[in-house]
PDB file of N, CA and C in Angstrom:
ATOM      1  N   MET A   1     -49.538  20.352   1.803  1.00  0.00           N
ATOM      2  CA  MET A   1     -49.303  20.689   3.197  1.00  0.00           C
ATOM      3  C   MET A   1     -49.614  22.166   3.411  1.00  0.00           C
ATOM      4  N   ALA A   2     -50.216  22.454   4.528  1.00  0.00           N
ATOM      5  CA  ALA A   2     -50.532  23.822   4.910  1.00  0.00           C
ATOM      6  C   ALA A   2     -49.450  24.334   5.860  1.00  0.00           C
ATOM      7  N   THR A   3     -49.173  25.622   5.790  1.00  0.00           N
ATOM      8  CA  THR A   3     -48.172  26.246   6.653  1.00  0.00           C
ATOM      9  C   THR A   3     -48.860  26.953   7.808  1.00  0.00           C
ATOM     10  N   PHE A   4     -48.246  26.853   8.976  1.00  0.00           N
ATOM     11  CA  PHE A   4     -48.773  27.483  10.190  1.00  0.00           C
ATOM     12  C   PHE A   4     -47.643  28.237  10.887  1.00  0.00           C
ATOM     13  N   ILE A   5     -48.003  29.330  11.544  1.00  0.00           N
ATOM     14  CA  ILE A   5     -47.057  30.104  12.347  1.00  0.00           C
ATOM     15  C   ILE A   5     -47.616  30.158  13.761  1.00  0.00           C
ATOM     16  N   THR A   6     -46.792  29.784  14.718  1.00  0.00           N
ATOM     17  CA  THR A   6     -47.208  29.755  16.115  1.00  0.00           C
ATOM     18  C   THR A   6     -46.356  30.711  16.930  1.00  0.00           C
ATOM     19  N   THR A   7     -47.024  31.552  17.714  1.00  0.00           N
ATOM     20  CA  THR A   7     -46.299  32.359  18.696  1.00  0.00           C
ATOM     21  C   THR A   7     -46.357  31.614  20.022  1.00  0.00           C
ATOM     22  N   ILE A   8     -45.284  31.746  20.781  1.00  0.00           N
ATOM     23  CA  ILE A   8     -45.112  30.969  22.003  1.00  0.00           C
ATOM     24  C   ILE A   8     -44.809  31.895  23.168  1.00  0.00           C
ATOM     25  N   LYS A   9     -45.464  31.625  24.285  1.00  0.00           N
ATOM     26  CA  LYS A   9     -45.152  32.317  25.543  1.00  0.00           C
ATOM     27  C   LYS A   9     -44.872  31.243  26.589  1.00  0.00           C
ATOM     28  N   PHE A  10     -43.774  31.425  27.316  1.00  0.00           N
ATOM     29  CA  PHE A  10     -43.438  30.480  28.375  1.00  0.00           C
ATOM     30  C   PHE A  10     -44.418  30.602  29.529  1.00  0.00           C
ATOM     31  N   THR A  11     -44.750  29.477  30.116  1.00  0.00           N
ATOM     32  CA  THR A  11     -45.478  29.462  31.379  1.00  0.00           C
ATOM     33  C   THR A  11     -44.434  29.617  32.491  1.00  0.00           C
ATOM     34  N   GLU A  12     -44.904  29.717  33.711  1.00  0.00           N
ATOM     35  CA  GLU A  12     -43.980  29.780  34.837  1.00  0.00           C
ATOM     36  C   GLU A  12     -43.115  28.518  34.879  1.00  0.00           C
ATOM     37  N   LYS A  13     -43.725  27.373  34.617  1.00  0.00           N
ATOM     38  CA  LYS A  13     -42.980  26.107  34.572  1.00  0.00           C
ATOM     39  C   LYS A  13     -41.917  26.141  33.474  1.00  0.00           C
ATOM     40  N   GLY A  14     -42.270  26.688  32.314  1.00  0.00           N
ATOM     41  CA  GLY A  14     -41.323  26.781  31.210  1.00  0.00           C
ATOM     42  C   GLY A  14     -40.140  27.672  31.528  1.00  0.00           C
ATOM     43  N   ILE A  15     -40.407  28.777  32.214  1.00  0.00           N
ATOM     44  CA  ILE A  15     -39.315  29.686  32.608  1.00  0.00           C
ATOM     45  C   ILE A  15     -38.416  29.012  33.639  1.00  0.00           C
ATOM     46  N   GLN A  16     -39.014  28.295  34.575  1.00  0.00           N
ATOM     47  CA  GLN A  16     -38.212  27.610  35.595  1.00  0.00           C
ATOM     48  C   GLN A  16     -37.284  26.575  34.973  1.00  0.00           C
ATOM     49  N   GLY A  17     -37.698  25.986  33.852  1.00  0.00           N
ATOM     50  CA  GLY A  17     -36.872  24.996  33.166  1.00  0.00           C
ATOM     51  C   GLY A  17     -36.251  25.542  31.896  1.00  0.00           C
ATOM     52  N   ILE A  18     -35.959  26.837  31.869  1.00  0.00           N
ATOM     53  CA  ILE A  18     -35.473  27.488  30.650  1.00  0.00           C
ATOM     54  C   ILE A  18     -34.195  26.843  30.113  1.00  0.00           C
ATOM     55  N   HIS A  19     -33.380  26.297  30.986  1.00  0.00           N
ATOM     56  CA  HIS A  19     -32.132  25.671  30.539  1.00  0.00           C
ATOM     57  C   HIS A  19     -32.377  24.449  29.655  1.00  0.00           C
ATOM     58  N   GLU A  20     -33.574  23.895  29.728  1.00  0.00           N
ATOM     59  CA  GLU A  20     -33.937  22.721  28.938  1.00  0.00           C
ATOM     60  C   GLU A  20     -34.727  23.094  27.679  1.00  0.00           C
ATOM     61  N   SER A  21     -34.878  24.381  27.430  1.00  0.00           N
ATOM     62  CA  SER A  21     -35.744  24.844  26.347  1.00  0.00           C
ATOM     63  C   SER A  21     -35.334  24.308  24.973  1.00  0.00           C
ATOM     64  N   ALA A  22     -34.065  24.366  24.647  1.00  0.00           N
ATOM     65  CA  ALA A  22     -33.611  23.875  23.337  1.00  0.00           C
ATOM     66  C   ALA A  22     -33.811  22.368  23.219  1.00  0.00           C
ATOM     67  N   LYS A  23     -33.584  21.655  24.307  1.00  0.00           N
ATOM     68  CA  LYS A  23     -33.778  20.203  24.308  1.00  0.00           C
ATOM     69  C   LYS A  23     -35.263  19.868  24.124  1.00  0.00           C
ATOM     70  N   ARG A  24     -36.128  20.621  24.790  1.00  0.00           N
ATOM     71  CA  ARG A  24     -37.578  20.395  24.638  1.00  0.00           C
ATOM     72  C   ARG A  24     -38.022  20.688  23.207  1.00  0.00           C
ATOM     73  N   ALA A  25     -37.462  21.733  22.616  1.00  0.00           N
ATOM     74  CA  ALA A  25     -37.812  22.081  21.232  1.00  0.00           C
ATOM     75  C   ALA A  25     -37.411  20.964  20.277  1.00  0.00           C
ATOM     76  N   ALA A  26     -36.246  20.397  20.470  1.00  0.00           N
ATOM     77  CA  ALA A  26     -35.792  19.291  19.619  1.00  0.00           C
ATOM     78  C   ALA A  26     -36.685  18.071  19.801  1.00  0.00           C
ATOM     79  N   ALA A  27     -37.081  17.799  21.033  1.00  0.00           N
ATOM     80  CA  ALA A  27     -37.962  16.660  21.307  1.00  0.00           C
ATOM     81  C   ALA A  27     -39.322  16.877  20.647  1.00  0.00           C
ATOM     82  N   PHE A  28     -39.836  18.112  20.700  1.00  0.00           N
ATOM     83  CA  PHE A  28     -41.111  18.383  20.047  1.00  0.00           C
ATOM     84  C   PHE A  28     -40.992  18.202  18.540  1.00  0.00           C
ATOM     85  N   LYS A  29     -39.901  18.678  17.958  1.00  0.00           N
ATOM     86  CA  LYS A  29     -39.711  18.547  16.510  1.00  0.00           C
ATOM     87  C   LYS A  29     -39.752  17.082  16.097  1.00  0.00           C
ATOM     88  N   ALA A  30     -39.121  16.219  16.879  1.00  0.00           N
ATOM     89  CA  ALA A  30     -39.114  14.778  16.586  1.00  0.00           C
ATOM     90  C   ALA A  30     -40.512  14.182  16.747  1.00  0.00           C
ATOM     91  N   ALA A  31     -41.222  14.575  17.800  1.00  0.00           N
ATOM     92  CA  ALA A  31     -42.584  14.066  18.019  1.00  0.00           C
ATOM     93  C   ALA A  31     -43.523  14.555  16.920  1.00  0.00           C
ATOM     94  N   ALA A  32     -43.356  15.800  16.510  1.00  0.00           N
ATOM     95  CA  ALA A  32     -44.197  16.361  15.455  1.00  0.00           C
ATOM     96  C   ALA A  32     -43.989  15.615  14.143  1.00  0.00           C
ATOM     97  N   LYS A  33     -42.747  15.271  13.864  1.00  0.00           N
ATOM     98  CA  LYS A  33     -42.442  14.528  12.637  1.00  0.00           C
ATOM     99  C   LYS A  33     -43.216  13.218  12.597  1.00  0.00           C
ATOM    100  N   LYS A  34     -43.315  12.544  13.730  1.00  0.00           N
ATOM    101  CA  LYS A  34     -44.066  11.284  13.802  1.00  0.00           C
ATOM    102  C   LYS A  34     -45.550  11.498  13.548  1.00  0.00           C
ATOM    103  N   MET A  35     -46.028  12.725  13.776  1.00  0.00           N
ATOM    104  CA  MET A  35     -47.431  13.062  13.555  1.00  0.00           C
ATOM    105  C   MET A  35     -47.675  13.538  12.122  1.00  0.00           C
ATOM    106  N   GLY A  36     -46.610  13.635  11.320  1.00  0.00           N
ATOM    107  CA  GLY A  36     -46.753  14.121   9.955  1.00  0.00           C
ATOM    108  C   GLY A  36     -46.573  15.615   9.819  1.00  0.00           C
ATOM    109  N   VAL A  37     -46.006  16.238  10.846  1.00  0.00           N
ATOM    110  CA  VAL A  37     -45.783  17.682  10.880  1.00  0.00           C
ATOM    111  C   VAL A  37     -44.301  17.961  10.663  1.00  0.00           C
ATOM    112  N   LYS A  38     -44.002  18.889   9.764  1.00  0.00           N
ATOM    113  CA  LYS A  38     -42.614  19.265   9.499  1.00  0.00           C
ATOM    114  C   LYS A  38     -42.350  20.653  10.080  1.00  0.00           C
ATOM    115  N   VAL A  39     -41.538  20.706  11.123  1.00  0.00           N
ATOM    116  CA  VAL A  39     -41.161  21.978  11.734  1.00  0.00           C
ATOM    117  C   VAL A  39     -39.998  22.549  10.935  1.00  0.00           C
ATOM    118  N   SER A  40     -40.209  23.707  10.319  1.00  0.00           N
ATOM    119  CA  SER A  40     -39.154  24.308   9.498  1.00  0.00           C
ATOM    120  C   SER A  40     -38.407  25.413  10.217  1.00  0.00           C
ATOM    121  N   GLY A  41     -38.934  25.893  11.330  1.00  0.00           N
ATOM    122  CA  GLY A  41     -38.232  26.925  12.084  1.00  0.00           C
ATOM    123  C   GLY A  41     -38.712  27.014  13.514  1.00  0.00           C
ATOM    124  N   GLN A  42     -37.761  27.089  14.423  1.00  0.00           N
ATOM    125  CA  GLN A  42     -38.047  27.306  15.842  1.00  0.00           C
ATOM    126  C   GLN A  42     -37.124  28.433  16.285  1.00  0.00           C
ATOM    127  N   TYR A  43     -37.709  29.530  16.781  1.00  0.00           N
ATOM    128  CA  TYR A  43     -36.928  30.710  17.133  1.00  0.00           C
ATOM    129  C   TYR A  43     -37.328  31.216  18.509  1.00  0.00           C
ATOM    130  N   TRP A  44     -36.360  31.612  19.299  1.00  0.00           N
ATOM    131  CA  TRP A  44     -36.596  32.269  20.568  1.00  0.00           C
ATOM    132  C   TRP A  44     -36.514  33.761  20.254  1.00  0.00           C
ATOM    133  N   THR A  45     -37.443  34.535  20.796  1.00  0.00           N
ATOM    134  CA  THR A  45     -37.540  35.934  20.392  1.00  0.00           C
ATOM    135  C   THR A  45     -37.557  36.882  21.587  1.00  0.00           C
ATOM    136  N   LEU A  46     -37.271  38.140  21.287  1.00  0.00           N
ATOM    137  CA  LEU A  46     -37.432  39.233  22.238  1.00  0.00           C
ATOM    138  C   LEU A  46     -38.758  39.915  21.927  1.00  0.00           C
ATOM    139  N   GLY A  47     -39.315  40.608  22.891  1.00  0.00           N
ATOM    140  CA  GLY A  47     -40.566  41.319  22.645  1.00  0.00           C
ATOM    141  C   GLY A  47     -41.738  40.639  23.317  1.00  0.00           C
ATOM    142  N   PRO A  48     -42.938  40.799  22.748  1.00  0.00           N
ATOM    143  CA  PRO A  48     -44.138  40.298  23.424  1.00  0.00           C
ATOM    144  C   PRO A  48     -44.266  38.767  23.450  1.00  0.00           C
ATOM    145  N   PHE A  49     -43.515  38.083  22.606  1.00  0.00           N
ATOM    146  CA  PHE A  49     -43.544  36.619  22.576  1.00  0.00           C
ATOM    147  C   PHE A  49     -42.163  36.082  22.914  1.00  0.00           C
ATOM    148  N   ASP A  50     -42.141  34.889  23.480  1.00  0.00           N
ATOM    149  CA  ASP A  50     -40.869  34.252  23.830  1.00  0.00           C
ATOM    150  C   ASP A  50     -40.322  33.414  22.692  1.00  0.00           C
ATOM    151  N   GLY A  51     -41.173  33.075  21.732  1.00  0.00           N
ATOM    152  CA  GLY A  51     -40.717  32.274  20.612  1.00  0.00           C
ATOM    153  C   GLY A  51     -41.727  32.259  19.477  1.00  0.00           C
ATOM    154  N   VAL A  52     -41.240  31.788  18.342  1.00  0.00           N
ATOM    155  CA  VAL A  52     -42.057  31.637  17.143  1.00  0.00           C
ATOM    156  C   VAL A  52     -41.661  30.313  16.499  1.00  0.00           C
ATOM    157  N   MET A  53     -42.669  29.623  15.981  1.00  0.00           N
ATOM    158  CA  MET A  53     -42.401  28.374  15.279  1.00  0.00           C
ATOM    159  C   MET A  53     -43.153  28.399  13.948  1.00  0.00           C
ATOM    160  N   VAL A  54     -42.506  27.874  12.921  1.00  0.00           N
ATOM    161  CA  VAL A  54     -43.119  27.741  11.602  1.00  0.00           C
ATOM    162  C   VAL A  54     -43.136  26.248  11.284  1.00  0.00           C
ATOM    163  N   PHE A  55     -44.306  25.758  10.876  1.00  0.00           N
ATOM    164  CA  PHE A  55     -44.394  24.336  10.561  1.00  0.00           C
ATOM    165  C   PHE A  55     -45.430  24.087   9.475  1.00  0.00           C
ATOM    166  N   ASP A  56     -45.291  22.946   8.825  1.00  0.00           N
ATOM    167  CA  ASP A  56     -46.236  22.492   7.815  1.00  0.00           C
ATOM    168  C   ASP A  56     -46.941  21.252   8.340  1.00  0.00           C
ATOM    169  N   ALA A  57     -48.249  21.201   8.105  1.00  0.00           N
ATOM    170  CA  ALA A  57     -49.050  20.049   8.509  1.00  0.00           C
ATOM    171  C   ALA A  57     -50.011  19.713   7.376  1.00  0.00           C
ATOM    172  N   PRO A  58     -50.415  18.450   7.291  1.00  0.00           N
ATOM    173  CA  PRO A  58     -51.308  18.058   6.202  1.00  0.00           C
ATOM    174  C   PRO A  58     -52.691  18.694   6.280  1.00  0.00           C
ATOM    175  N   ASP A  59     -53.131  19.077   7.494  1.00  0.00           N
ATOM    176  CA  ASP A  59     -54.463  19.668   7.650  1.00  0.00           C
ATOM    177  C   ASP A  59     -54.561  20.341   9.019  1.00  0.00           C
ATOM    178  N   ASP A  60     -55.678  21.037   9.225  1.00  0.00           N
ATOM    179  CA  ASP A  60     -55.895  21.767  10.479  1.00  0.00           C
ATOM    180  C   ASP A  60     -55.956  20.834  11.688  1.00  0.00           C
ATOM    181  N   LYS A  61     -56.543  19.668  11.511  1.00  0.00           N
ATOM    182  CA  LYS A  61     -56.669  18.724  12.624  1.00  0.00           C
ATOM    183  C   LYS A  61     -55.294  18.272  13.112  1.00  0.00           C
ATOM    184  N   THR A  62     -54.411  17.972  12.181  1.00  0.00           N
ATOM    185  CA  THR A  62     -53.066  17.531  12.555  1.00  0.00           C
ATOM    186  C   THR A  62     -52.299  18.672  13.212  1.00  0.00           C
ATOM    187  N   ALA A  63     -52.441  19.871  12.683  1.00  0.00           N
ATOM    188  CA  ALA A  63     -51.778  21.036  13.275  1.00  0.00           C
ATOM    189  C   ALA A  63     -52.272  21.257  14.703  1.00  0.00           C
ATOM    190  N   THR A  64     -53.577  21.141  14.895  1.00  0.00           N
ATOM    191  CA  THR A  64     -54.157  21.319  16.223  1.00  0.00           C
ATOM    192  C   THR A  64     -53.654  20.247  17.182  1.00  0.00           C
ATOM    193  N   ALA A  65     -53.621  19.014  16.732  1.00  0.00           N
ATOM    194  CA  ALA A  65     -53.121  17.920  17.575  1.00  0.00           C
ATOM    195  C   ALA A  65     -51.677  18.171  17.984  1.00  0.00           C
ATOM    196  N   ALA A  66     -50.859  18.647  17.050  1.00  0.00           N
ATOM    197  CA  ALA A  66     -49.452  18.919  17.367  1.00  0.00           C
ATOM    198  C   ALA A  66     -49.329  20.015  18.418  1.00  0.00           C
ATOM    199  N   MET A  67     -50.136  21.070  18.288  1.00  0.00           N
ATOM    200  CA  MET A  67     -50.070  22.165  19.264  1.00  0.00           C
ATOM    201  C   MET A  67     -50.625  21.744  20.622  1.00  0.00           C
ATOM    202  N   LEU A  68     -51.650  20.898  20.620  1.00  0.00           N
ATOM    203  CA  LEU A  68     -52.149  20.363  21.892  1.00  0.00           C
ATOM    204  C   LEU A  68     -51.091  19.496  22.559  1.00  0.00           C
ATOM    205  N   HIS A  69     -50.386  18.709  21.754  1.00  0.00           N
ATOM    206  CA  HIS A  69     -49.294  17.883  22.281  1.00  0.00           C
ATOM    207  C   HIS A  69     -48.228  18.776  22.925  1.00  0.00           C
ATOM    208  N   LEU A  70     -47.832  19.826  22.215  1.00  0.00           N
ATOM    209  CA  LEU A  70     -46.824  20.746  22.747  1.00  0.00           C
ATOM    210  C   LEU A  70     -47.290  21.391  24.052  1.00  0.00           C
ATOM    211  N   SER A  71     -48.512  21.873  24.060  1.00  0.00           N
ATOM    212  CA  SER A  71     -49.039  22.564  25.242  1.00  0.00           C
ATOM    213  C   SER A  71     -49.277  21.636  26.423  1.00  0.00           C
ATOM    214  N   SER A  72     -49.480  20.362  26.157  1.00  0.00           N
ATOM    215  CA  SER A  72     -49.810  19.421  27.228  1.00  0.00           C
ATOM    216  C   SER A  72     -48.696  19.255  28.259  1.00  0.00           C
ATOM    217  N   TYR A  73     -47.488  19.637  27.917  1.00  0.00           N
ATOM    218  CA  TYR A  73     -46.376  19.533  28.868  1.00  0.00           C
ATOM    219  C   TYR A  73     -46.357  20.679  29.868  1.00  0.00           C
ATOM    220  N   GLY A  74     -47.128  21.735  29.585  1.00  0.00           N
ATOM    221  CA  GLY A  74     -47.255  22.827  30.542  1.00  0.00           C
ATOM    222  C   GLY A  74     -46.141  23.856  30.513  1.00  0.00           C
ATOM    223  N   ASN A  75     -45.267  23.800  29.521  1.00  0.00           N
ATOM    224  CA  ASN A  75     -44.151  24.744  29.471  1.00  0.00           C
ATOM    225  C   ASN A  75     -44.443  25.995  28.659  1.00  0.00           C
ATOM    226  N   VAL A  76     -45.420  25.918  27.761  1.00  0.00           N
ATOM    227  CA  VAL A  76     -45.717  27.050  26.885  1.00  0.00           C
ATOM    228  C   VAL A  76     -47.217  27.170  26.637  1.00  0.00           C
ATOM    229  N   HIS A  77     -47.607  28.392  26.273  1.00  0.00           N
ATOM    230  CA  HIS A  77     -48.917  28.669  25.716  1.00  0.00           C
ATOM    231  C   HIS A  77     -48.671  29.017  24.256  1.00  0.00           C
ATOM    232  N   THR A  78     -49.531  28.573  23.378  1.00  0.00           N
ATOM    233  CA  THR A  78     -49.336  28.822  21.952  1.00  0.00           C
ATOM    234  C   THR A  78     -50.545  29.528  21.346  1.00  0.00           C
ATOM    235  N   THR A  79     -50.275  30.296  20.306  1.00  0.00           N
ATOM    236  CA  THR A  79     -51.309  30.882  19.454  1.00  0.00           C
ATOM    237  C   THR A  79     -50.885  30.586  18.025  1.00  0.00           C
ATOM    238  N   THR A  80     -51.739  29.898  17.284  1.00  0.00           N
ATOM    239  CA  THR A  80     -51.362  29.429  15.950  1.00  0.00           C
ATOM    240  C   THR A  80     -52.256  30.040  14.884  1.00  0.00           C
ATOM    241  N   SER A  81     -51.635  30.434  13.792  1.00  0.00           N
ATOM    242  CA  SER A  81     -52.352  30.997  12.646  1.00  0.00           C
ATOM    243  C   SER A  81     -51.969  30.247  11.386  1.00  0.00           C
ATOM    244  N   ARG A  82     -52.914  30.109  10.494  1.00  0.00           N
ATOM    245  CA  ARG A  82     -52.647  29.528   9.172  1.00  0.00           C
ATOM    246  C   ARG A  82     -51.962  30.598   8.339  1.00  0.00           C
ATOM    247  N   ALA A  83     -50.908  30.220   7.648  1.00  0.00           N
ATOM    248  CA  ALA A  83     -50.168  31.137   6.780  1.00  0.00           C
ATOM    249  C   ALA A  83     -50.357  30.725   5.327  1.00  0.00           C
ATOM    250  N   PHE A  84     -50.427  31.702   4.443  1.00  0.00           N
ATOM    251  CA  PHE A  84     -50.625  31.452   3.021  1.00  0.00           C
ATOM    252  C   PHE A  84     -49.483  32.062   2.234  1.00  0.00           C
ATOM    253  N   ASP A  85     -48.885  31.301   1.321  1.00  0.00           N
ATOM    254  CA  ASP A  85     -47.879  31.884   0.435  1.00  0.00           C
ATOM    255  C   ASP A  85     -48.608  32.614  -0.696  1.00  0.00           C
ATOM    256  N   SER A  86     -47.868  33.252  -1.579  1.00  0.00           N
ATOM    257  CA  SER A  86     -48.496  34.083  -2.611  1.00  0.00           C
ATOM    258  C   SER A  86     -49.396  33.273  -3.546  1.00  0.00           C
ATOM    259  N   ALA A  87     -48.997  32.071  -3.910  1.00  0.00           N
ATOM    260  CA  ALA A  87     -49.827  31.247  -4.792  1.00  0.00           C
ATOM    261  C   ALA A  87     -51.133  30.860  -4.099  1.00  0.00           C
ATOM    262  N   GLU A  88     -51.044  30.526  -2.821  1.00  0.00           N
ATOM    263  CA  GLU A  88     -52.253  30.144  -2.076  1.00  0.00           C
ATOM    264  C   GLU A  88     -53.212  31.320  -1.919  1.00  0.00           C
ATOM    265  N   ILE A  89     -52.664  32.494  -1.617  1.00  0.00           N
ATOM    266  CA  ILE A  89     -53.549  33.648  -1.416  1.00  0.00           C
ATOM    267  C   ILE A  89     -54.194  34.075  -2.731  1.00  0.00           C
ATOM    268  N   GLU A  90     -53.497  33.862  -3.843  1.00  0.00           N
ATOM    269  CA  GLU A  90     -54.093  34.156  -5.145  1.00  0.00           C
ATOM    270  C   GLU A  90     -55.330  33.284  -5.371  1.00  0.00           C
ATOM    271  N   LYS A  91     -55.261  32.013  -4.970  1.00  0.00           N
ATOM    272  CA  LYS A  91     -56.412  31.124  -5.102  1.00  0.00           C
ATOM    273  C   LYS A  91     -57.557  31.581  -4.192  1.00  0.00           C
ATOM    274  N   VAL A  92     -57.205  32.002  -2.989  1.00  0.00           N
ATOM    275  CA  VAL A  92     -58.221  32.493  -2.055  1.00  0.00           C
ATOM    276  C   VAL A  92     -58.902  33.732  -2.611  1.00  0.00           C
ATOM    277  N   VAL A  93     -58.107  34.669  -3.067  1.00  0.00           N
ATOM    278  CA  VAL A  93     -58.651  35.910  -3.622  1.00  0.00           C
ATOM    279  C   VAL A  93     -59.500  35.605  -4.865  1.00  0.00           C
ATOM    280  N   GLY A  94     -59.100  34.600  -5.619  1.00  0.00           N
ATOM    281  CA  GLY A  94     -59.856  34.209  -6.784  1.00  0.00           C
ATOM    282  C   GLY A  94     -61.261  33.734  -6.476  1.00  0.00           C
ATOM    283  N   LEU A  95     -61.515  33.327  -5.234  1.00  0.00           N
ATOM    284  CA  LEU A  95     -62.852  32.892  -4.821  1.00  0.00           C
ATOM    285  C   LEU A  95     -63.788  34.057  -4.544  1.00  0.00           C
ATOM    286  N   LEU A  96     -63.232  35.258  -4.408  1.00  0.00           N
ATOM    287  CA  LEU A  96     -64.063  36.424  -4.157  1.00  0.00           C
ATOM    288  C   LEU A  96     -64.896  36.737  -5.385  1.00  0.00           C
ATOM    289  N   SER A  97     -66.123  37.153  -5.144  1.00  0.00           N
ATOM    290  CA  SER A  97     -66.962  37.525  -6.287  1.00  0.00           C
ATOM    291  C   SER A  97     -66.415  38.808  -6.905  1.00  0.00           C
ATOM    292  N   LYS A  98     -66.392  38.863  -8.179  1.00  0.00           N
ATOM    293  CA  LYS A  98     -65.861  40.031  -8.883  1.00  0.00           C
ATOM    294  C   LYS A  98     -66.989  41.025  -9.127  1.00  0.00           C
ATOM    295  N   LYS A  99     -66.699  42.276  -8.838  1.00  0.00           N
ATOM    296  CA  LYS A  99     -67.704  43.335  -9.035  1.00  0.00           C
ATOM    297  C   LYS A  99     -67.343  44.195 -10.200  1.00  0.00           C
TER     298      LYS A  99
END
């Protein structure tokens, strides 16, 4: 499974329904699970983003589908990045040609 980190910004619709935010997050977590995605963290934040989510997905296509599903409700905009743990980055660095 690959790890992904998503930053979240509320849309105007999302802010108007802010009282339902935790309920929507729980519903997304359940829907993501059915897609083979494991959400390990959902956080509401201060600063330039309204939230951050950490999740594992079997591949980029599944991760993309999950984020499209989340965005399709119109409550948030997402930006997702692939995250690498130390063992994974060691393998990546190992692919670099040695000089």
